Amino acid sequence: MGLVSVFWEILSKPTSGDVLSEILVFIVPLWVAVIVGVLVGWAWKPKWANLGREIFMDCSASKDSTASSSESASTGFGPLPSLNLMKLQLPSCFSWSSDDVVQKFPLSRTLHSNCSSSEGGKENLGFLTDEDLGYLFKLSEEKDGGPAWIHMMDKSTPTMSYQAWQRDLDIGPTQYRSRTVFDDATPEMVRDFFWDDEFRAKLKWDEMLLSAETLESSPTDGTMVVHWVRKFPFFCSDREYLIGRRIWASGRTYYCVTKGVPYPSVPRKNKPRRVDLYFSSWRIRAVESRKGDGQLSACEVLLFHHENMGIPWEIAKLGVKLGMWGTVRRIDPGLREYQKERASGASLSHCASVAHINTEVITDYLRSLESHDDDSSELETHNSSEKPSGKNNIPKLVVVGGAIAIACILDRGLLTKAVIFGVARRFAKIGRRL
């Protein structure tokens, strides 16, 4: 009854302005408390909270690694990036070789003599296939069948322009798309720059990278497996990544795929926490400079990125939005330093050398991958501008506000409040879909 009397006293104010100010004074501290509670609760989350998930992921990885050799030989199927994101969250070790397609569109490998490998006896590691190339190609052509991209940001410096978009799917983390144009840069230089982990760590233009190690690399198709550890905010532990990466080239257009891959020989640890779902790939090509002189003297990088960092997605979205431009604007000075170092005659690092090993493809082959993916599986298209309507819609604010009231009346413990808020959030989502 105390809460009802407080609301009645607020509503009895003589003017609407007084009512609004009193409501803000009453609600703002509650929301501040909720945000602080979420952050503190996440920072102090006990180790057993992740135990079930880690056991499940370890079992999945070991099961996939033992079954991959037999199933890939008998069925020929592998990771299909065009499938829904729920399947992408599970580790996959299957390697797919589409013999019919390769025979129809033969691929030529371009190898350079200055490239070395830590695993010289392996010709093809099998972590990344032409299906990954097809998925990136469809993303770059905006033909992946996903929802519309929502514009986030448009920034520029004297030598770089940057645009960013985002979209949310029904399942999986938020996806990001960005277009960066570097003036006076070649696609080959930018390709080497992003692949060069040694320079990335030396110059520290990527401040989140704590360590990087190459585990395997193929001298045939340039596939690499790298181990990264990245720094996260104070309320999170650092994150560990096992990333497979490979480059396809169509003329001077480069399709660079990097994604999380299972790698059983590196055991999972409590800290740093491993990120299993990771996709960060880009298309690099020459474009006309902003000078308008008709010369292809600039380089365009079209990036697609999503990952499950193991923190609530709404908090992750807020962190990305606040830190995106601060991170991106450090790339251009790093690239200019890289250009200077290369111009001075500095030798290529191992990673930069492997970046020169590209799988050459033709445009017709890329189109065939696109049509093949369309025939095999299609993603449902969601229009972000459409809102479900109907008399059964439950306003989210009403549900969450009611949860706050119940939490304040029934219990003062953080655990009970968290359960109530979680249930309320589920009901709010159900209400929007009714």
Protein backbone atom coordinates (compact mmCIF):
# COMPACT_ATOMS: atom_id res chain seq x y z
CA MET A 1 0.00 0.00 0.00
CA GLY A 2 2.94 2.31 0.57
CA LEU A 3 3.84 2.28 -3.11
CA VAL A 4 0.23 3.01 -4.13
CA SER A 5 0.07 5.98 -1.78
CA VAL A 6 3.30 7.37 -3.22
CA PHE A 7 1.92 7.16 -6.76
CA TRP A 8 -1.38 8.74 -5.64
CA GLU A 9 0.51 11.62 -4.06
CA ILE A 10 2.49 12.16 -7.27
CA LEU A 11 -0.62 12.13 -9.46
CA SER A 12 -2.37 14.63 -7.19
CA LYS A 13 0.14 17.36 -8.06
CA PRO A 14 -1.56 20.50 -9.47
CA THR A 15 0.26 20.64 -12.83
CA SER A 16 1.43 18.06 -15.35
CA GLY A 17 4.96 19.45 -15.10
CA ASP A 18 5.04 18.74 -11.37
CA VAL A 19 3.74 15.23 -11.99
CA LEU A 20 6.40 14.56 -14.63
CA SER A 21 9.22 15.87 -12.46
CA GLU A 22 8.08 13.78 -9.49
CA ILE A 23 7.85 10.65 -11.66
CA LEU A 24 11.38 11.24 -12.99
CA VAL A 25 12.71 11.72 -9.46
CA PHE A 26 11.04 8.44 -8.49
CA ILE A 27 12.01 6.34 -11.54
CA VAL A 28 15.56 7.50 -12.37
CA PRO A 29 17.14 6.16 -9.14
CA LEU A 30 15.43 2.82 -9.74
CA TRP A 31 16.89 2.50 -13.22
CA VAL A 32 20.31 3.56 -11.97
CA ALA A 33 20.07 0.86 -9.31
CA VAL A 34 19.07 -1.72 -11.93
CA ILE A 35 22.04 -0.84 -14.18
CA VAL A 36 24.49 -0.89 -11.26
CA GLY A 37 23.02 -4.18 -10.09
CA VAL A 38 23.47 -5.77 -13.51
CA LEU A 39 27.08 -4.61 -13.79
CA VAL A 40 27.99 -5.65 -10.24
CA GLY A 41 26.14 -8.95 -10.59
CA TRP A 42 27.98 -9.70 -13.82
CA ALA A 43 31.37 -8.79 -12.39
CA TRP A 44 30.80 -11.03 -9.37
CA LYS A 45 29.20 -13.92 -11.24
CA PRO A 46 30.31 -17.20 -9.58
CA LYS A 47 32.38 -19.72 -11.52
CA TRP A 48 29.64 -22.37 -11.37
CA ALA A 49 27.41 -20.13 -13.51
CA ASN A 50 29.44 -21.07 -16.60
CA LEU A 51 30.16 -24.65 -15.61
CA GLY A 52 27.29 -26.24 -17.53
CA ARG A 53 28.00 -24.22 -20.65
CA GLU A 54 31.72 -25.04 -20.60
CA ILE A 55 31.05 -28.76 -20.12
CA PHE A 56 28.58 -28.66 -23.01
CA MET A 57 30.97 -26.81 -25.34
CA ASP A 58 33.89 -29.10 -24.43
CA CYS A 59 31.78 -32.18 -25.09
CA SER A 60 30.52 -30.77 -28.38
CA ALA A 61 34.04 -29.90 -29.50
CA SER A 62 35.41 -33.33 -28.66
CA LYS A 63 32.46 -35.08 -30.28
CA ASP A 64 32.79 -33.02 -33.45
CA SER A 65 36.55 -33.56 -33.63
CA THR A 66 36.19 -37.35 -33.41
CA ALA A 67 33.31 -37.53 -35.88
CA SER A 68 34.63 -35.08 -38.43
CA SER A 69 37.01 -37.43 -40.22
CA SER A 70 34.44 -40.17 -40.79
CA GLU A 71 31.46 -37.94 -41.59
CA SER A 72 33.32 -35.60 -43.90
CA ALA A 73 34.59 -38.58 -45.88
CA SER A 74 31.16 -40.18 -46.17
CA THR A 75 28.84 -37.20 -46.60
CA GLY A 76 31.05 -34.41 -47.88
CA PHE A 77 29.12 -31.79 -45.88
CA GLY A 78 30.79 -29.03 -43.90
CA PRO A 79 30.03 -25.77 -42.11
CA LEU A 80 27.28 -23.87 -43.90
CA PRO A 81 27.45 -20.21 -42.89
CA SER A 82 24.11 -19.54 -44.56
CA LEU A 83 22.32 -21.62 -41.93
CA ASN A 84 20.73 -19.94 -38.95
CA LEU A 85 22.88 -18.53 -36.18
CA MET A 86 21.78 -21.11 -33.64
CA LYS A 87 23.74 -23.72 -35.56
CA LEU A 88 26.70 -21.37 -35.80
CA GLN A 89 26.92 -21.24 -32.00
CA LEU A 90 27.90 -24.90 -31.89
CA PRO A 91 31.50 -25.82 -32.76
CA SER A 92 31.96 -27.54 -36.09
CA CYS A 93 34.97 -29.44 -37.40
CA PHE A 94 33.48 -30.77 -40.60
CA SER A 95 35.33 -30.05 -43.81
CA TRP A 96 33.40 -29.89 -47.05
CA SER A 97 34.92 -30.43 -50.46
CA SER A 98 32.44 -29.83 -53.28
CA ASP A 99 34.08 -31.91 -55.98
CA ASP A 100 31.42 -31.23 -58.59
CA VAL A 101 31.63 -27.47 -58.19
CA VAL A 102 35.43 -27.43 -58.18
CA GLN A 103 35.58 -29.51 -61.33
CA LYS A 104 33.16 -27.13 -63.01
CA PHE A 105 35.07 -24.02 -61.86
CA PRO A 106 38.72 -25.00 -61.26
CA LEU A 107 40.62 -22.87 -58.78
CA SER A 108 44.18 -21.69 -59.27
CA ARG A 109 46.49 -21.12 -56.31
CA THR A 110 49.03 -18.29 -56.32
CA LEU A 111 52.03 -19.04 -54.11
CA HIS A 112 54.88 -16.68 -53.34
CA SER A 113 58.40 -17.81 -52.56
CA ASN A 114 58.74 -15.54 -49.52
CA CYS A 115 55.94 -17.28 -47.60
CA SER A 116 56.71 -19.71 -44.82
CA SER A 117 54.60 -22.02 -42.69
CA SER A 118 54.81 -23.48 -39.24
CA GLU A 119 53.17 -26.66 -40.57
CA GLY A 120 54.93 -27.26 -43.88
CA GLY A 121 53.64 -30.80 -44.26
CA LYS A 122 49.96 -29.76 -44.33
CA GLU A 123 48.60 -28.54 -47.62
CA ASN A 124 44.99 -27.77 -46.64
CA LEU A 125 43.89 -27.34 -43.04
CA GLY A 126 40.19 -27.61 -43.93
CA PHE A 127 38.91 -25.03 -41.42
CA LEU A 128 37.56 -22.66 -44.08
CA THR A 129 35.87 -23.69 -47.32
CA ASP A 130 34.25 -22.10 -50.35
CA GLU A 131 30.98 -22.03 -48.40
CA ASP A 132 32.54 -19.35 -46.18
CA LEU A 133 33.54 -17.43 -49.31
CA GLY A 134 29.98 -17.72 -50.65
CA TYR A 135 28.53 -16.41 -47.40
CA LEU A 136 30.84 -13.38 -47.36
CA PHE A 137 30.11 -12.72 -51.03
CA LYS A 138 26.37 -12.73 -50.38
CA LEU A 139 26.83 -10.37 -47.43
CA SER A 140 28.89 -7.97 -49.52
CA GLU A 141 26.26 -8.03 -52.29
CA GLU A 142 23.43 -7.65 -49.72
CA LYS A 143 21.84 -10.90 -50.91
CA ASP A 144 22.12 -12.99 -47.74
CA GLY A 145 18.39 -12.78 -47.03
CA GLY A 146 18.80 -11.18 -43.61
CA PRO A 147 16.99 -8.15 -42.19
CA ALA A 148 17.67 -4.62 -43.36
CA TRP A 149 20.74 -2.85 -42.01
CA ILE A 150 20.10 0.13 -39.68
CA HIS A 151 22.47 3.08 -40.02
CA MET A 152 24.54 3.83 -36.90
CA MET A 153 27.37 6.19 -37.71
CA ASP A 154 28.99 8.34 -40.39
CA LYS A 155 32.43 9.74 -39.48
CA SER A 156 35.53 10.89 -41.33
CA THR A 157 39.08 12.16 -40.97
CA PRO A 158 41.21 13.95 -43.60
CA THR A 159 42.40 10.59 -44.98
CA MET A 160 39.61 8.17 -44.04
CA SER A 161 35.81 7.93 -44.16
CA TYR A 162 33.74 5.51 -42.07
CA GLN A 163 30.12 4.34 -42.05
CA ALA A 164 28.53 1.71 -39.83
CA TRP A 165 25.26 -0.23 -39.69
CA GLN A 166 23.76 -2.86 -37.41
CA ARG A 167 20.91 -5.37 -37.40
CA ASP A 168 19.37 -7.86 -34.98
CA LEU A 169 18.25 -11.36 -35.87
CA ASP A 170 15.74 -13.44 -33.90
CA ILE A 171 18.61 -15.68 -32.77
CA GLY A 172 22.21 -14.72 -32.12
CA PRO A 173 24.14 -11.56 -31.32
CA THR A 174 23.84 -8.21 -33.06
CA GLN A 175 25.52 -8.10 -36.46
CA TYR A 176 27.57 -5.11 -37.62
CA ARG A 177 28.49 -3.88 -41.08
CA SER A 178 30.94 -1.07 -41.81
CA ARG A 179 32.44 0.60 -44.87
CA THR A 180 35.83 2.27 -44.49
CA VAL A 181 37.64 4.08 -47.30
CA PHE A 182 41.36 4.80 -46.89
CA ASP A 183 42.81 7.44 -49.21
CA ASP A 184 46.14 6.76 -50.92
CA ALA A 185 46.23 3.06 -50.06
CA THR A 186 46.30 -0.09 -52.20
CA PRO A 187 44.16 -3.18 -51.51
CA GLU A 188 47.31 -5.29 -51.15
CA MET A 189 48.76 -2.99 -48.48
CA VAL A 190 45.52 -2.93 -46.49
CA ARG A 191 45.20 -6.73 -46.80
CA ASP A 192 48.69 -7.24 -45.39
CA PHE A 193 48.08 -4.64 -42.67
CA PHE A 194 45.02 -6.37 -41.24
CA TRP A 195 46.69 -9.81 -41.44
CA ASP A 196 49.95 -8.68 -39.75
CA ASP A 197 49.51 -9.67 -36.09
CA GLU A 198 53.14 -8.86 -35.30
CA PHE A 199 52.75 -5.24 -36.38
CA ARG A 200 49.36 -5.05 -34.69
CA ALA A 201 50.95 -6.02 -31.39
CA LYS A 202 54.08 -3.90 -31.90
CA LEU A 203 52.39 -0.61 -32.73
CA LYS A 204 49.38 -1.35 -30.48
CA TRP A 205 46.94 0.33 -32.83
CA ASP A 206 44.56 -2.41 -31.67
CA GLU A 207 44.60 -1.65 -27.95
CA MET A 208 42.39 -4.61 -27.04
CA LEU A 209 44.88 -7.20 -28.33
CA LEU A 210 46.98 -8.60 -25.48
CA SER A 211 48.67 -11.47 -27.33
CA ALA A 212 48.60 -13.19 -30.72
CA GLU A 213 50.15 -16.51 -31.77
CA THR A 214 50.05 -18.43 -35.05
CA LEU A 215 49.23 -22.08 -34.37
CA GLU A 216 49.11 -23.41 -37.94
CA SER A 217 49.35 -22.12 -41.49
CA SER A 218 49.03 -23.79 -44.88
CA PRO A 219 51.51 -23.06 -47.69
CA THR A 220 48.91 -24.16 -50.24
CA ASP A 221 45.81 -22.03 -49.65
CA GLY A 222 47.05 -19.68 -46.92
CA THR A 223 44.65 -20.91 -44.23
CA MET A 224 45.84 -19.92 -40.76
CA VAL A 225 44.79 -20.75 -37.21
CA VAL A 226 45.70 -18.03 -34.73
CA HIS A 227 45.25 -17.70 -30.98
CA TRP A 228 44.26 -14.28 -29.67
CA VAL A 229 43.71 -12.94 -26.17
CA ARG A 230 41.84 -9.65 -26.02
CA LYS A 231 41.35 -7.23 -23.14
CA PHE A 232 37.79 -6.54 -21.98
CA PRO A 233 36.37 -3.92 -19.55
CA PHE A 234 37.11 -4.16 -15.84
CA PHE A 235 33.87 -5.97 -15.00
CA CYS A 236 34.67 -8.81 -17.48
CA SER A 237 37.53 -11.24 -17.72
CA ASP A 238 39.73 -11.20 -20.83
CA ARG A 239 38.56 -13.19 -23.83
CA GLU A 240 40.34 -15.94 -25.78
CA TYR A 241 39.83 -16.56 -29.50
CA LEU A 242 40.83 -19.46 -31.74
CA ILE A 243 40.45 -17.98 -35.21
CA GLY A 244 40.70 -19.59 -38.63
CA ARG A 245 41.36 -17.24 -41.52
CA ARG A 246 41.84 -17.42 -45.26
CA ILE A 247 41.89 -15.06 -48.28
CA TRP A 248 40.29 -15.49 -51.68
CA ALA A 249 41.15 -13.12 -54.54
CA SER A 250 39.12 -12.14 -57.60
CA GLY A 251 41.45 -9.88 -59.53
CA ARG A 252 42.40 -7.16 -57.05
CA THR A 253 39.31 -7.73 -54.90
CA TYR A 254 40.13 -9.70 -51.75
CA TYR A 255 37.64 -11.69 -49.66
CA CYS A 256 39.20 -12.16 -46.22
CA VAL A 257 37.34 -14.59 -43.94
CA THR A 258 38.09 -14.94 -40.23
CA LYS A 259 35.90 -16.90 -37.83
CA GLY A 260 36.09 -18.95 -34.67
CA VAL A 261 37.11 -22.59 -35.19
CA PRO A 262 37.37 -25.59 -32.83
CA TYR A 263 40.93 -26.47 -31.90
CA PRO A 264 41.01 -29.27 -29.30
CA SER A 265 44.79 -29.11 -28.81
CA VAL A 266 44.35 -25.80 -26.97
CA PRO A 267 42.43 -26.70 -23.79
CA ARG A 268 39.66 -24.47 -22.51
CA LYS A 269 40.41 -22.47 -19.35
CA ASN A 270 38.34 -20.55 -16.84
CA LYS A 271 40.33 -17.40 -17.65
CA PRO A 272 40.60 -16.03 -20.21
CA ARG A 273 37.10 -17.04 -21.25
CA ARG A 274 36.87 -18.53 -24.74
CA VAL A 275 34.65 -16.97 -27.40
CA ASP A 276 33.28 -19.74 -29.62
CA LEU A 277 30.92 -17.79 -31.89
CA TYR A 278 33.04 -15.28 -33.78
CA PHE A 279 32.76 -14.00 -37.35
CA SER A 280 34.73 -11.03 -38.67
CA SER A 281 35.29 -10.90 -42.42
CA TRP A 282 35.82 -8.21 -45.01
CA ARG A 283 35.99 -7.43 -48.70
CA ILE A 284 38.89 -5.22 -49.81
CA ARG A 285 39.03 -3.49 -53.19
CA ALA A 286 40.26 -0.34 -54.91
CA VAL A 287 37.77 2.52 -55.31
CA GLU A 288 37.83 6.08 -56.55
CA SER A 289 39.37 8.62 -54.20
CA ARG A 290 37.30 11.32 -52.52
CA LYS A 291 39.37 13.79 -54.53
CA GLY A 292 37.11 13.04 -57.48
CA ASP A 293 39.99 12.71 -59.95
CA GLY A 294 38.69 9.44 -61.40
CA GLN A 295 41.70 7.47 -60.14
CA LEU A 296 41.32 4.25 -58.13
CA SER A 297 43.79 5.50 -55.55
CA ALA A 298 41.68 4.71 -52.45
CA CYS A 299 40.89 1.39 -50.78
CA GLU A 300 37.46 0.30 -49.56
CA VAL A 301 37.07 -2.18 -46.70
CA LEU A 302 33.59 -3.63 -46.24
CA LEU A 303 33.54 -5.40 -42.85
CA PHE A 304 30.95 -7.80 -41.39
CA HIS A 305 31.29 -8.71 -37.72
CA HIS A 306 29.40 -10.51 -34.97
CA GLU A 307 30.45 -12.46 -31.90
CA ASN A 308 29.03 -13.88 -28.70
CA MET A 309 31.27 -12.26 -26.09
CA GLY A 310 29.49 -13.93 -23.19
CA ILE A 311 27.91 -10.77 -21.80
CA PRO A 312 24.28 -9.63 -22.09
CA TRP A 313 23.70 -8.54 -25.66
CA GLU A 314 22.10 -5.22 -24.71
CA ILE A 315 25.18 -4.30 -22.66
CA ALA A 316 27.42 -5.46 -25.51
CA LYS A 317 25.49 -3.27 -27.98
CA LEU A 318 25.89 -0.25 -25.72
CA GLY A 319 29.62 -0.87 -25.33
CA VAL A 320 30.10 -1.23 -29.10
CA LYS A 321 28.16 1.94 -29.79
CA LEU A 322 30.16 3.97 -27.28
CA GLY A 323 33.58 2.62 -28.24
CA MET A 324 33.24 2.04 -31.98
CA TRP A 325 34.59 5.33 -33.34
CA GLY A 326 37.36 5.54 -30.74
CA THR A 327 38.59 2.14 -31.92
CA VAL A 328 38.16 2.77 -35.65
CA ARG A 329 39.93 6.11 -35.79
CA ARG A 330 43.15 4.47 -34.50
CA ILE A 331 43.27 2.22 -37.57
CA ASP A 332 44.20 4.99 -40.02
CA PRO A 333 47.35 6.16 -38.12
CA GLY A 334 48.35 2.50 -37.79
CA LEU A 335 47.97 1.97 -41.54
CA ARG A 336 50.08 5.05 -42.31
CA GLU A 337 52.86 3.80 -40.04
CA TYR A 338 52.65 0.42 -41.74
CA GLN A 339 53.04 2.09 -45.14
CA LYS A 340 56.13 3.91 -43.93
CA GLU A 341 57.68 0.72 -42.54
CA ARG A 342 57.07 -1.16 -45.77
CA ALA A 343 58.45 1.75 -47.83
CA SER A 344 61.64 1.64 -45.74
CA GLY A 345 62.32 -1.89 -46.97
CA ALA A 346 61.39 -3.73 -43.78
CA SER A 347 60.98 -7.47 -44.26
CA LEU A 348 57.53 -9.05 -44.19
CA SER A 349 56.41 -10.78 -41.04
CA HIS A 350 55.23 -14.38 -41.23
CA CYS A 351 51.56 -13.37 -41.06
CA ALA A 352 51.96 -10.76 -43.79
CA SER A 353 53.74 -13.31 -45.96
CA VAL A 354 50.90 -15.79 -45.57
CA ALA A 355 48.49 -13.00 -46.60
CA HIS A 356 50.08 -13.26 -50.06
CA ILE A 357 48.86 -16.85 -50.45
CA ASN A 358 45.43 -16.35 -51.99
CA THR A 359 42.96 -18.68 -53.62
CA GLU A 360 42.23 -17.17 -57.03
CA VAL A 361 38.57 -17.25 -58.13
CA ILE A 362 36.67 -15.75 -61.03
CA THR A 363 33.45 -13.76 -60.89
CA ASP A 364 31.42 -16.57 -62.46
CA TYR A 365 32.52 -18.90 -59.69
CA LEU A 366 31.42 -16.40 -57.04
CA ARG A 367 28.03 -16.17 -58.72
CA SER A 368 27.80 -19.96 -58.72
CA LEU A 369 28.40 -20.03 -54.96
CA GLU A 370 25.63 -17.49 -54.50
CA SER A 371 23.13 -19.53 -56.53
CA HIS A 372 24.25 -22.76 -54.86
CA ASP A 373 23.58 -21.31 -51.41
CA ASP A 374 20.18 -20.06 -52.55
CA ASP A 375 19.25 -23.57 -53.69
CA SER A 376 20.56 -25.35 -50.58
CA SER A 377 19.20 -23.09 -47.83
CA GLU A 378 17.49 -19.74 -47.53
CA LEU A 379 17.40 -17.32 -44.60
CA GLU A 380 14.03 -15.82 -43.76
CA THR A 381 13.98 -12.09 -44.51
CA HIS A 382 12.81 -9.82 -41.72
CA ASN A 383 11.89 -6.21 -42.35
CA SER A 384 13.15 -4.14 -39.43
CA SER A 385 10.58 -1.41 -40.14
CA GLU A 386 7.60 -3.74 -39.69
CA LYS A 387 6.04 -3.86 -36.25
CA PRO A 388 3.61 -6.61 -35.22
CA SER A 389 0.26 -5.14 -34.44
CA GLY A 390 -2.77 -6.41 -32.58
CA LYS A 391 -4.83 -6.00 -29.48
CA ASN A 392 -2.70 -8.51 -27.55
CA ASN A 393 0.46 -6.38 -27.59
CA ILE A 394 1.85 -5.89 -24.10
CA PRO A 395 3.78 -2.61 -23.69
CA LYS A 396 7.29 -3.43 -22.59
CA LEU A 397 7.47 -0.41 -20.30
CA VAL A 398 4.38 -1.58 -18.37
CA VAL A 399 5.84 -5.07 -17.85
CA VAL A 400 9.27 -3.85 -16.78
CA GLY A 401 7.77 -1.14 -14.57
CA GLY A 402 5.58 -3.70 -12.89
CA ALA A 403 8.60 -5.91 -12.33
CA ILE A 404 10.39 -3.03 -10.59
CA ALA A 405 7.42 -2.49 -8.30
CA ILE A 406 7.13 -6.18 -7.45
CA ALA A 407 10.86 -6.47 -6.83
CA CYS A 408 10.83 -3.48 -4.48
CA ILE A 409 7.80 -4.76 -2.53
CA LEU A 410 8.54 -8.47 -2.23
CA ASP A 411 12.24 -8.76 -1.60
CA ARG A 412 15.42 -6.76 -1.24
CA GLY A 413 17.74 -9.50 -2.40
CA LEU A 414 19.61 -9.14 -5.69
CA LEU A 415 18.92 -12.74 -6.78
CA THR A 416 15.13 -12.45 -6.50
CA LYS A 417 15.15 -9.13 -8.35
CA ALA A 418 17.22 -10.63 -11.14
CA VAL A 419 14.76 -13.51 -11.53
CA ILE A 420 11.80 -11.13 -11.61
CA PHE A 421 13.42 -8.88 -14.20
CA GLY A 422 14.33 -11.88 -16.35
CA VAL A 423 10.77 -13.21 -16.31
CA ALA A 424 9.44 -9.73 -17.09
CA ARG A 425 11.75 -9.41 -20.05
CA ARG A 426 10.53 -12.73 -21.42
CA PHE A 427 6.90 -11.64 -21.06
CA ALA A 428 7.67 -8.35 -22.77
CA LYS A 429 9.13 -10.21 -25.76
CA ILE A 430 6.15 -12.58 -25.86
CA GLY A 431 3.79 -9.60 -25.77
CA ARG A 432 5.45 -8.05 -28.80
CA ARG A 433 5.04 -11.29 -30.78
CA LEU A 434 1.38 -11.93 -29.92
